[in-house]
Amino acid sequence: MNYTRIIKYVIRSKNLNSVFERLDPYDKEIKEYFAKYLEKNEKELGEFSKKELKILKKTRSYVYRLDYSAKCFCCEMRFGWSAIIGMIPVIGDIINLYLSMRIIKIYMKTEISKTIIIQMYINIFIAFSMGLIPIIGDMLFAYYKCNIRNYIMFEKTLKERKKIH
């Protein structure tokens, strides 16, 4: 994949949201998820055990603050504290790596499968490696939102586990 082509395409495009949706179809799922998140009530979450429900509530607010809490004034892109922390060269990326791994440690208390945990670590590694690239990498990191991706993956696996049992 030629990254310079993608960067030129993004810069020349007038509607950045449509560009990001074409480049990353998962972004649409994140937007839909948080649109539903605002409407969610306790009945939908009632199918989980108390321990799982506690972890979901705790990590949902934590992840939202890290990846999605602020909105850019010039465009519709949302970002969180992890993007701001990531602006600090190298140290910010290490702090973000620690915060993301801390969330996965919380997820591991529910005994989810190792393949899901490996996928979560891969998401974190991708975000970490993006963050190491100066300026453009920080913008890509703000767009990638690995913590929200991991949260959605975690919630889906819990729902699938409940359907099987």
Foldseek 3Di string as FASTA:
>chain_A
DDVVVLVVVCVPDDANVVSVCVVDVVLVVLVVVVVVVVVDDVVVVVLDDPLVSVLLVVLVVVLCQQQFVAADPVHGQGGHPLLVLLLPAPVSLVVSLVSQVVSLVSLCVVVFDPVLSVVLVVLSVVLSVLSNDHPRSSVVSSSSSSSSVSSVSSVVRSVVVSVVD
